[in-house]
Amino acid sequence: AYHIAREALANVVRHARARRCKVRLAVKGGEQGRLHLSIQDDGQGFPEGVRTGVGLASMRERAAELGGTCTIQAQPGAGTRVVAVLPLGS
């Protein structure tokens, strides 16, 4: 979760031209549940189908390696949202 959040925040600083960014963490389903991580900015976003860099792919790969998911939604002029859902416990 830390590395996904770090990469998402680095992208906000490098690319988004955002004024605001919200980071949210929530645990759903108790101790054996899932960690929900959301990073959302109000920056420039990027168009659908644009070639993205290694950073976005690495966030998805990290989540998948842990048995979770990471989705990235961006709209030109309306910001970007990264949502990772990761399992907790063993």
PDB file of N, CA and C in Angstrom:
ATOM      1  N   ALA A   1       0.833  -1.192   0.000  1.00  0.00           N
ATOM      2  CA  ALA A   1       0.000   0.000   0.000  1.00  0.00           C
ATOM      3  C   ALA A   1       0.875   1.252   0.000  1.00  0.00           C
ATOM      4  N   TYR A   2       1.949   1.200   0.784  1.00  0.00           N
ATOM      5  CA  TYR A   2       2.842   2.355   0.853  1.00  0.00           C
ATOM      6  C   TYR A   2       3.416   2.687  -0.523  1.00  0.00           C
ATOM      7  N   HIS A   3       3.912   1.678  -1.225  1.00  0.00           N
ATOM      8  CA  HIS A   3       4.549   1.913  -2.524  1.00  0.00           C
ATOM      9  C   HIS A   3       3.542   2.391  -3.575  1.00  0.00           C
ATOM     10  N   ILE A   4       2.332   1.891  -3.513  1.00  0.00           N
ATOM     11  CA  ILE A   4       1.293   2.354  -4.435  1.00  0.00           C
ATOM     12  C   ILE A   4       0.972   3.823  -4.151  1.00  0.00           C
ATOM     13  N   ALA A   5       0.801   4.156  -2.882  1.00  0.00           N
ATOM     14  CA  ALA A   5       0.511   5.543  -2.512  1.00  0.00           C
ATOM     15  C   ALA A   5       1.671   6.455  -2.890  1.00  0.00           C
ATOM     16  N   ARG A   6       2.894   6.018  -2.645  1.00  0.00           N
ATOM     17  CA  ARG A   6       4.075   6.820  -2.980  1.00  0.00           C
ATOM     18  C   ARG A   6       4.136   7.122  -4.467  1.00  0.00           C
ATOM     19  N   GLU A   7       3.904   6.114  -5.291  1.00  0.00           N
ATOM     20  CA  GLU A   7       3.945   6.308  -6.741  1.00  0.00           C
ATOM     21  C   GLU A   7       2.817   7.224  -7.206  1.00  0.00           C
ATOM     22  N   ALA A   8       1.627   7.016  -6.655  1.00  0.00           N
ATOM     23  CA  ALA A   8       0.492   7.870  -7.041  1.00  0.00           C
ATOM     24  C   ALA A   8       0.748   9.327  -6.662  1.00  0.00           C
ATOM     25  N   LEU A   9       1.289   9.558  -5.466  1.00  0.00           N
ATOM     26  CA  LEU A   9       1.566  10.931  -5.036  1.00  0.00           C
ATOM     27  C   LEU A   9       2.706  11.551  -5.853  1.00  0.00           C
ATOM     28  N   ALA A  10       3.694  10.754  -6.204  1.00  0.00           N
ATOM     29  CA  ALA A  10       4.777  11.256  -7.064  1.00  0.00           C
ATOM     30  C   ALA A  10       4.212  11.689  -8.416  1.00  0.00           C
ATOM     31  N   ASN A  11       3.267  10.923  -8.942  1.00  0.00           N
ATOM     32  CA  ASN A  11       2.641  11.289 -10.220  1.00  0.00           C
ATOM     33  C   ASN A  11       1.843  12.583 -10.105  1.00  0.00           C
ATOM     34  N   VAL A  12       1.185  12.785  -8.978  1.00  0.00           N
ATOM     35  CA  VAL A  12       0.446  14.036  -8.771  1.00  0.00           C
ATOM     36  C   VAL A  12       1.423  15.207  -8.833  1.00  0.00           C
ATOM     37  N   VAL A  13       2.540  15.087  -8.128  1.00  0.00           N
ATOM     38  CA  VAL A  13       3.519  16.170  -8.086  1.00  0.00           C
ATOM     39  C   VAL A  13       4.148  16.398  -9.465  1.00  0.00           C
ATOM     40  N   ARG A  14       4.507  15.321 -10.162  1.00  0.00           N
ATOM     41  CA  ARG A  14       5.214  15.426 -11.445  1.00  0.00           C
ATOM     42  C   ARG A  14       4.324  15.844 -12.610  1.00  0.00           C
ATOM     43  N   HIS A  15       3.095  15.320 -12.654  1.00  0.00           N
ATOM     44  CA  HIS A  15       2.322  15.413 -13.885  1.00  0.00           C
ATOM     45  C   HIS A  15       0.966  16.108 -13.788  1.00  0.00           C
ATOM     46  N   ALA A  16       0.329  16.090 -12.644  1.00  0.00           N
ATOM     47  CA  ALA A  16      -1.093  16.431 -12.569  1.00  0.00           C
ATOM     48  C   ALA A  16      -1.407  17.927 -12.659  1.00  0.00           C
ATOM     49  N   ARG A  17      -0.484  18.753 -12.206  1.00  0.00           N
ATOM     50  CA  ARG A  17      -0.792  20.188 -12.086  1.00  0.00           C
ATOM     51  C   ARG A  17      -2.032  20.394 -11.209  1.00  0.00           C
ATOM     52  N   ALA A  18      -2.103  19.628 -10.149  1.00  0.00           N
ATOM     53  CA  ALA A  18      -3.261  19.646  -9.254  1.00  0.00           C
ATOM     54  C   ALA A  18      -3.117  20.723  -8.191  1.00  0.00           C
ATOM     55  N   ARG A  19      -4.269  21.211  -7.739  1.00  0.00           N
ATOM     56  CA  ARG A  19      -4.311  22.120  -6.602  1.00  0.00           C
ATOM     57  C   ARG A  19      -4.538  21.346  -5.318  1.00  0.00           C
ATOM     58  N   ARG A  20      -5.261  20.230  -5.434  1.00  0.00           N
ATOM     59  CA  ARG A  20      -5.589  19.417  -4.260  1.00  0.00           C
ATOM     60  C   ARG A  20      -5.416  17.936  -4.570  1.00  0.00           C
ATOM     61  N   CYS A  21      -5.128  17.201  -3.506  1.00  0.00           N
ATOM     62  CA  CYS A  21      -5.036  15.744  -3.611  1.00  0.00           C
ATOM     63  C   CYS A  21      -5.532  15.163  -2.294  1.00  0.00           C
ATOM     64  N   LYS A  22      -6.421  14.180  -2.380  1.00  0.00           N
ATOM     65  CA  LYS A  22      -6.954  13.523  -1.186  1.00  0.00           C
ATOM     66  C   LYS A  22      -6.437  12.088  -1.141  1.00  0.00           C
ATOM     67  N   VAL A  23      -5.985  11.688   0.032  1.00  0.00           N
ATOM     68  CA  VAL A  23      -5.567  10.308   0.269  1.00  0.00           C
ATOM     69  C   VAL A  23      -6.501   9.753   1.326  1.00  0.00           C
ATOM     70  N   ARG A  24      -7.096   8.614   1.015  1.00  0.00           N
ATOM     71  CA  ARG A  24      -8.023   7.982   1.961  1.00  0.00           C
ATOM     72  C   ARG A  24      -7.634   6.528   2.162  1.00  0.00           C
ATOM     73  N   LEU A  25      -7.715   6.090   3.412  1.00  0.00           N
ATOM     74  CA  LEU A  25      -7.482   4.694   3.777  1.00  0.00           C
ATOM     75  C   LEU A  25      -8.684   4.220   4.579  1.00  0.00           C
ATOM     76  N   ALA A  26      -9.116   3.018   4.298  1.00  0.00           N
ATOM     77  CA  ALA A  26     -10.203   2.423   5.067  1.00  0.00           C
ATOM     78  C   ALA A  26      -9.996   0.918   5.109  1.00  0.00           C
ATOM     79  N   VAL A  27     -10.348   0.323   6.229  1.00  0.00           N
ATOM     80  CA  VAL A  27     -10.342  -1.131   6.359  1.00  0.00           C
ATOM     81  C   VAL A  27     -11.790  -1.570   6.367  1.00  0.00           C
ATOM     82  N   LYS A  28     -12.098  -2.477   5.459  1.00  0.00           N
ATOM     83  CA  LYS A  28     -13.469  -2.985   5.367  1.00  0.00           C
ATOM     84  C   LYS A  28     -13.432  -4.498   5.553  1.00  0.00           C
ATOM     85  N   GLY A  29     -14.331  -5.001   6.362  1.00  0.00           N
ATOM     86  CA  GLY A  29     -14.415  -6.440   6.578  1.00  0.00           C
ATOM     87  C   GLY A  29     -13.595  -6.929   7.752  1.00  0.00           C
ATOM     88  N   GLY A  30     -13.164  -6.054   8.630  1.00  0.00           N
ATOM     89  CA  GLY A  30     -12.447  -6.478   9.831  1.00  0.00           C
ATOM     90  C   GLY A  30     -11.008  -6.874   9.558  1.00  0.00           C
ATOM     91  N   GLU A  31     -10.444  -7.600  10.510  1.00  0.00           N
ATOM     92  CA  GLU A  31      -9.028  -7.969  10.461  1.00  0.00           C
ATOM     93  C   GLU A  31      -8.660  -8.795   9.232  1.00  0.00           C
ATOM     94  N   GLN A  32      -9.527  -9.652   8.790  1.00  0.00           N
ATOM     95  CA  GLN A  32      -9.268 -10.480   7.603  1.00  0.00           C
ATOM     96  C   GLN A  32      -9.870  -9.860   6.352  1.00  0.00           C
ATOM     97  N   GLY A  33     -10.214  -8.603   6.420  1.00  0.00           N
ATOM     98  CA  GLY A  33     -10.867  -7.910   5.311  1.00  0.00           C
ATOM     99  C   GLY A  33      -9.888  -7.348   4.303  1.00  0.00           C
ATOM    100  N   ARG A  34     -10.191  -6.144   3.851  1.00  0.00           N
ATOM    101  CA  ARG A  34      -9.394  -5.518   2.800  1.00  0.00           C
ATOM    102  C   ARG A  34      -9.094  -4.067   3.152  1.00  0.00           C
ATOM    103  N   LEU A  35      -7.916  -3.643   2.729  1.00  0.00           N
ATOM    104  CA  LEU A  35      -7.514  -2.253   2.853  1.00  0.00           C
ATOM    105  C   LEU A  35      -7.898  -1.542   1.567  1.00  0.00           C
ATOM    106  N   HIS A  36      -8.630  -0.451   1.692  1.00  0.00           N
ATOM    107  CA  HIS A  36      -9.029   0.360   0.544  1.00  0.00           C
ATOM    108  C   HIS A  36      -8.219   1.649   0.590  1.00  0.00           C
ATOM    109  N   LEU A  37      -7.436   1.877  -0.447  1.00  0.00           N
ATOM    110  CA  LEU A  37      -6.587   3.054  -0.569  1.00  0.00           C
ATOM    111  C   LEU A  37      -7.050   3.848  -1.781  1.00  0.00           C
ATOM    112  N   SER A  38      -7.278   5.148  -1.594  1.00  0.00           N
ATOM    113  CA  SER A  38      -7.725   6.005  -2.688  1.00  0.00           C
ATOM    114  C   SER A  38      -6.888   7.275  -2.700  1.00  0.00           C
ATOM    115  N   ILE A  39      -6.365   7.616  -3.864  1.00  0.00           N
ATOM    116  CA  ILE A  39      -5.649   8.867  -4.064  1.00  0.00           C
ATOM    117  C   ILE A  39      -6.331   9.567  -5.220  1.00  0.00           C
ATOM    118  N   GLN A  40      -6.871  10.759  -4.959  1.00  0.00           N
ATOM    119  CA  GLN A  40      -7.612  11.484  -5.991  1.00  0.00           C
ATOM    120  C   GLN A  40      -7.134  12.922  -6.052  1.00  0.00           C
ATOM    121  N   ASP A  41      -6.840  13.397  -7.269  1.00  0.00           N
ATOM    122  CA  ASP A  41      -6.412  14.783  -7.441  1.00  0.00           C
ATOM    123  C   ASP A  41      -7.387  15.529  -8.345  1.00  0.00           C
ATOM    124  N   ASP A  42      -7.245  16.838  -8.346  1.00  0.00           N
ATOM    125  CA  ASP A  42      -8.105  17.678  -9.192  1.00  0.00           C
ATOM    126  C   ASP A  42      -7.310  18.264 -10.366  1.00  0.00           C
ATOM    127  N   GLY A  43      -6.308  17.550 -10.808  1.00  0.00           N
ATOM    128  CA  GLY A  43      -5.418  18.033 -11.863  1.00  0.00           C
ATOM    129  C   GLY A  43      -5.934  17.838 -13.269  1.00  0.00           C
ATOM    130  N   GLN A  44      -4.997  17.782 -14.190  1.00  0.00           N
ATOM    131  CA  GLN A  44      -5.334  17.767 -15.611  1.00  0.00           C
ATOM    132  C   GLN A  44      -5.748  16.395 -16.142  1.00  0.00           C
ATOM    133  N   GLY A  45      -5.557  15.322 -15.377  1.00  0.00           N
ATOM    134  CA  GLY A  45      -5.915  13.995 -15.870  1.00  0.00           C
ATOM    135  C   GLY A  45      -5.137  13.643 -17.113  1.00  0.00           C
ATOM    136  N   PHE A  46      -5.579  12.613 -17.810  1.00  0.00           N
ATOM    137  CA  PHE A  46      -4.979  12.277 -19.100  1.00  0.00           C
ATOM    138  C   PHE A  46      -6.012  11.562 -19.947  1.00  0.00           C
ATOM    139  N   PRO A  47      -5.915  11.702 -21.266  1.00  0.00           N
ATOM    140  CA  PRO A  47      -6.927  11.107 -22.133  1.00  0.00           C
ATOM    141  C   PRO A  47      -6.884   9.577 -22.127  1.00  0.00           C
ATOM    142  N   GLU A  48      -8.039   8.979 -22.320  1.00  0.00           N
ATOM    143  CA  GLU A  48      -8.138   7.528 -22.421  1.00  0.00           C
ATOM    144  C   GLU A  48      -7.308   7.057 -23.612  1.00  0.00           C
ATOM    145  N   GLY A  49      -6.598   5.965 -23.420  1.00  0.00           N
ATOM    146  CA  GLY A  49      -5.804   5.395 -24.497  1.00  0.00           C
ATOM    147  C   GLY A  49      -4.402   5.959 -24.602  1.00  0.00           C
ATOM    148  N   VAL A  50      -4.063   6.945 -23.771  1.00  0.00           N
ATOM    149  CA  VAL A  50      -2.715   7.500 -23.807  1.00  0.00           C
ATOM    150  C   VAL A  50      -1.732   6.465 -23.267  1.00  0.00           C
ATOM    151  N   ARG A  51      -0.540   6.436 -23.828  1.00  0.00           N
ATOM    152  CA  ARG A  51       0.489   5.510 -23.339  1.00  0.00           C
ATOM    153  C   ARG A  51       0.991   5.996 -21.998  1.00  0.00           C
ATOM    154  N   THR A  52       0.842   5.170 -20.991  1.00  0.00           N
ATOM    155  CA  THR A  52       1.277   5.548 -19.652  1.00  0.00           C
ATOM    156  C   THR A  52       2.634   4.917 -19.369  1.00  0.00           C
ATOM    157  N   GLY A  53       3.282   5.410 -18.343  1.00  0.00           N
ATOM    158  CA  GLY A  53       4.622   4.955 -18.004  1.00  0.00           C
ATOM    159  C   GLY A  53       4.637   3.725 -17.115  1.00  0.00           C
ATOM    160  N   VAL A  54       5.827   3.411 -16.669  1.00  0.00           N
ATOM    161  CA  VAL A  54       6.077   2.239 -15.838  1.00  0.00           C
ATOM    162  C   VAL A  54       5.394   2.368 -14.479  1.00  0.00           C
ATOM    163  N   GLY A  55       5.278   3.601 -13.972  1.00  0.00           N
ATOM    164  CA  GLY A  55       4.723   3.807 -12.638  1.00  0.00           C
ATOM    165  C   GLY A  55       3.314   3.280 -12.471  1.00  0.00           C
ATOM    166  N   LEU A  56       2.447   3.562 -13.429  1.00  0.00           N
ATOM    167  CA  LEU A  56       1.062   3.079 -13.329  1.00  0.00           C
ATOM    168  C   LEU A  56       1.005   1.559 -13.430  1.00  0.00           C
ATOM    169  N   ALA A  57       1.799   0.992 -14.314  1.00  0.00           N
ATOM    170  CA  ALA A  57       1.849  -0.467 -14.446  1.00  0.00           C
ATOM    171  C   ALA A  57       2.375  -1.105 -13.160  1.00  0.00           C
ATOM    172  N   SER A  58       3.375  -0.484 -12.543  1.00  0.00           N
ATOM    173  CA  SER A  58       3.942  -1.060 -11.317  1.00  0.00           C
ATOM    174  C   SER A  58       2.933  -1.041 -10.170  1.00  0.00           C
ATOM    175  N   MET A  59       2.075  -0.018 -10.111  1.00  0.00           N
ATOM    176  CA  MET A  59       1.045   0.005  -9.068  1.00  0.00           C
ATOM    177  C   MET A  59       0.084  -1.164  -9.250  1.00  0.00           C
ATOM    178  N   ARG A  60      -0.322  -1.404 -10.478  1.00  0.00           N
ATOM    179  CA  ARG A  60      -1.225  -2.539 -10.756  1.00  0.00           C
ATOM    180  C   ARG A  60      -0.557  -3.862 -10.426  1.00  0.00           C
ATOM    181  N   GLU A  61       0.718  -3.996 -10.805  1.00  0.00           N
ATOM    182  CA  GLU A  61       1.457  -5.240 -10.555  1.00  0.00           C
ATOM    183  C   GLU A  61       1.625  -5.492  -9.061  1.00  0.00           C
ATOM    184  N   ARG A  62       1.944  -4.462  -8.303  1.00  0.00           N
ATOM    185  CA  ARG A  62       2.110  -4.622  -6.851  1.00  0.00           C
ATOM    186  C   ARG A  62       0.816  -5.121  -6.215  1.00  0.00           C
ATOM    187  N   ALA A  63      -0.302  -4.518  -6.602  1.00  0.00           N
ATOM    188  CA  ALA A  63      -1.588  -4.938  -6.048  1.00  0.00           C
ATOM    189  C   ALA A  63      -1.897  -6.389  -6.428  1.00  0.00           C
ATOM    190  N   ALA A  64      -1.668  -6.744  -7.678  1.00  0.00           N
ATOM    191  CA  ALA A  64      -1.944  -8.107  -8.146  1.00  0.00           C
ATOM    192  C   ALA A  64      -1.077  -9.130  -7.418  1.00  0.00           C
ATOM    193  N   GLU A  65       0.178  -8.809  -7.167  1.00  0.00           N
ATOM    194  CA  GLU A  65       1.075  -9.717  -6.454  1.00  0.00           C
ATOM    195  C   GLU A  65       0.565 -10.035  -5.054  1.00  0.00           C
ATOM    196  N   LEU A  66      -0.175  -9.100  -4.475  1.00  0.00           N
ATOM    197  CA  LEU A  66      -0.718  -9.284  -3.129  1.00  0.00           C
ATOM    198  C   LEU A  66      -2.121  -9.879  -3.138  1.00  0.00           C
ATOM    199  N   GLY A  67      -2.659 -10.138  -4.330  1.00  0.00           N
ATOM    200  CA  GLY A  67      -4.011 -10.670  -4.434  1.00  0.00           C
ATOM    201  C   GLY A  67      -5.072  -9.591  -4.441  1.00  0.00           C
ATOM    202  N   GLY A  68      -4.667  -8.367  -4.744  1.00  0.00           N
ATOM    203  CA  GLY A  68      -5.605  -7.250  -4.768  1.00  0.00           C
ATOM    204  C   GLY A  68      -5.752  -6.663  -6.155  1.00  0.00           C
ATOM    205  N   THR A  69      -6.322  -5.470  -6.201  1.00  0.00           N
ATOM    206  CA  THR A  69      -6.526  -4.774  -7.472  1.00  0.00           C
ATOM    207  C   THR A  69      -6.097  -3.316  -7.328  1.00  0.00           C
ATOM    208  N   CYS A  70      -5.777  -2.715  -8.450  1.00  0.00           N
ATOM    209  CA  CYS A  70      -5.492  -1.284  -8.501  1.00  0.00           C
ATOM    210  C   CYS A  70      -6.074  -0.756  -9.803  1.00  0.00           C
ATOM    211  N   THR A  71      -6.984   0.196  -9.683  1.00  0.00           N
ATOM    212  CA  THR A  71      -7.582   0.796 -10.873  1.00  0.00           C
ATOM    213  C   THR A  71      -7.204   2.269 -10.930  1.00  0.00           C
ATOM    214  N   ILE A  72      -7.049   2.753 -12.141  1.00  0.00           N
ATOM    215  CA  ILE A  72      -6.676   4.143 -12.364  1.00  0.00           C
ATOM    216  C   ILE A  72      -7.691   4.741 -13.324  1.00  0.00           C
ATOM    217  N   GLN A  73      -8.360   5.791 -12.872  1.00  0.00           N
ATOM    218  CA  GLN A  73      -9.356   6.475 -13.685  1.00  0.00           C
ATOM    219  C   GLN A  73      -8.905   7.913 -13.861  1.00  0.00           C
ATOM    220  N   ALA A  74      -8.856   8.362 -15.093  1.00  0.00           N
ATOM    221  CA  ALA A  74      -8.460   9.739 -15.366  1.00  0.00           C
ATOM    222  C   ALA A  74      -9.375  10.335 -16.419  1.00  0.00           C
ATOM    223  N   GLN A  75      -9.667  11.603 -16.244  1.00  0.00           N
ATOM    224  CA  GLN A  75     -10.460  12.335 -17.224  1.00  0.00           C
ATOM    225  C   GLN A  75      -9.725  13.628 -17.537  1.00  0.00           C
ATOM    226  N   PRO A  76      -9.544  13.922 -18.817  1.00  0.00           N
ATOM    227  CA  PRO A  76      -8.854  15.162 -19.174  1.00  0.00           C
ATOM    228  C   PRO A  76      -9.502  16.371 -18.507  1.00  0.00           C
ATOM    229  N   GLY A  77      -8.691  17.145 -17.805  1.00  0.00           N
ATOM    230  CA  GLY A  77      -9.175  18.349 -17.145  1.00  0.00           C
ATOM    231  C   GLY A  77      -9.932  18.119 -15.857  1.00  0.00           C
ATOM    232  N   ALA A  78     -10.132  16.856 -15.456  1.00  0.00           N
ATOM    233  CA  ALA A  78     -10.931  16.573 -14.263  1.00  0.00           C
ATOM    234  C   ALA A  78     -10.190  15.724 -13.233  1.00  0.00           C
ATOM    235  N   GLY A  79      -8.912  15.506 -13.405  1.00  0.00           N
ATOM    236  CA  GLY A  79      -8.132  14.795 -12.400  1.00  0.00           C
ATOM    237  C   GLY A  79      -8.016  13.306 -12.621  1.00  0.00           C
ATOM    238  N   THR A  80      -7.348  12.688 -11.670  1.00  0.00           N
ATOM    239  CA  THR A  80      -7.055  11.257 -11.711  1.00  0.00           C
ATOM    240  C   THR A  80      -7.368  10.653 -10.359  1.00  0.00           C
ATOM    241  N   ARG A  81      -7.851   9.424 -10.377  1.00  0.00           N
ATOM    242  CA  ARG A  81      -8.151   8.691  -9.152  1.00  0.00           C
ATOM    243  C   ARG A  81      -7.517   7.316  -9.238  1.00  0.00           C
ATOM    244  N   VAL A  82      -6.744   6.975  -8.219  1.00  0.00           N
ATOM    245  CA  VAL A  82      -6.132   5.653  -8.099  1.00  0.00           C
ATOM    246  C   VAL A  82      -6.804   4.971  -6.913  1.00  0.00           C
ATOM    247  N   VAL A  83      -7.306   3.760  -7.122  1.00  0.00           N
ATOM    248  CA  VAL A  83      -7.954   3.003  -6.055  1.00  0.00           C
ATOM    249  C   VAL A  83      -7.309   1.620  -5.990  1.00  0.00           C
ATOM    250  N   ALA A  84      -6.745   1.317  -4.831  1.00  0.00           N
ATOM    251  CA  ALA A  84      -6.158  -0.006  -4.604  1.00  0.00           C
ATOM    252  C   ALA A  84      -6.952  -0.694  -3.496  1.00  0.00           C
ATOM    253  N   VAL A  85      -7.267  -1.950  -3.716  1.00  0.00           N
ATOM    254  CA  VAL A  85      -7.950  -2.762  -2.717  1.00  0.00           C
ATOM    255  C   VAL A  85      -7.055  -3.978  -2.485  1.00  0.00           C
ATOM    256  N   LEU A  86      -6.567  -4.087  -1.232  1.00  0.00           N
ATOM    257  CA  LEU A  86      -5.584  -5.105  -0.906  1.00  0.00           C
ATOM    258  C   LEU A  86      -6.069  -5.965   0.251  1.00  0.00           C
ATOM    259  N   PRO A  87      -5.810  -7.276   0.198  1.00  0.00           N
ATOM    260  CA  PRO A  87      -6.240  -8.140   1.284  1.00  0.00           C
ATOM    261  C   PRO A  87      -5.400  -7.908   2.540  1.00  0.00           C
ATOM    262  N   LEU A  88      -6.015  -8.111   3.693  1.00  0.00           N
ATOM    263  CA  LEU A  88      -5.316  -8.014   4.971  1.00  0.00           C
ATOM    264  C   LEU A  88      -5.171  -9.408   5.574  1.00  0.00           C
ATOM    265  N   GLY A  89      -4.282  -9.552   6.506  1.00  0.00           N
ATOM    266  CA  GLY A  89      -4.105 -10.823   7.193  1.00  0.00           C
ATOM    267  C   GLY A  89      -3.409 -11.834   6.308  1.00  0.00           C
ATOM    268  N   SER A  90      -3.372 -13.059   6.814  1.00  0.00           N
ATOM    269  CA  SER A  90      -2.670 -14.113   6.067  1.00  0.00           C
ATOM    270  C   SER A  90      -3.619 -15.074   5.417  1.00  0.00           C
TER     271      SER A  90
END
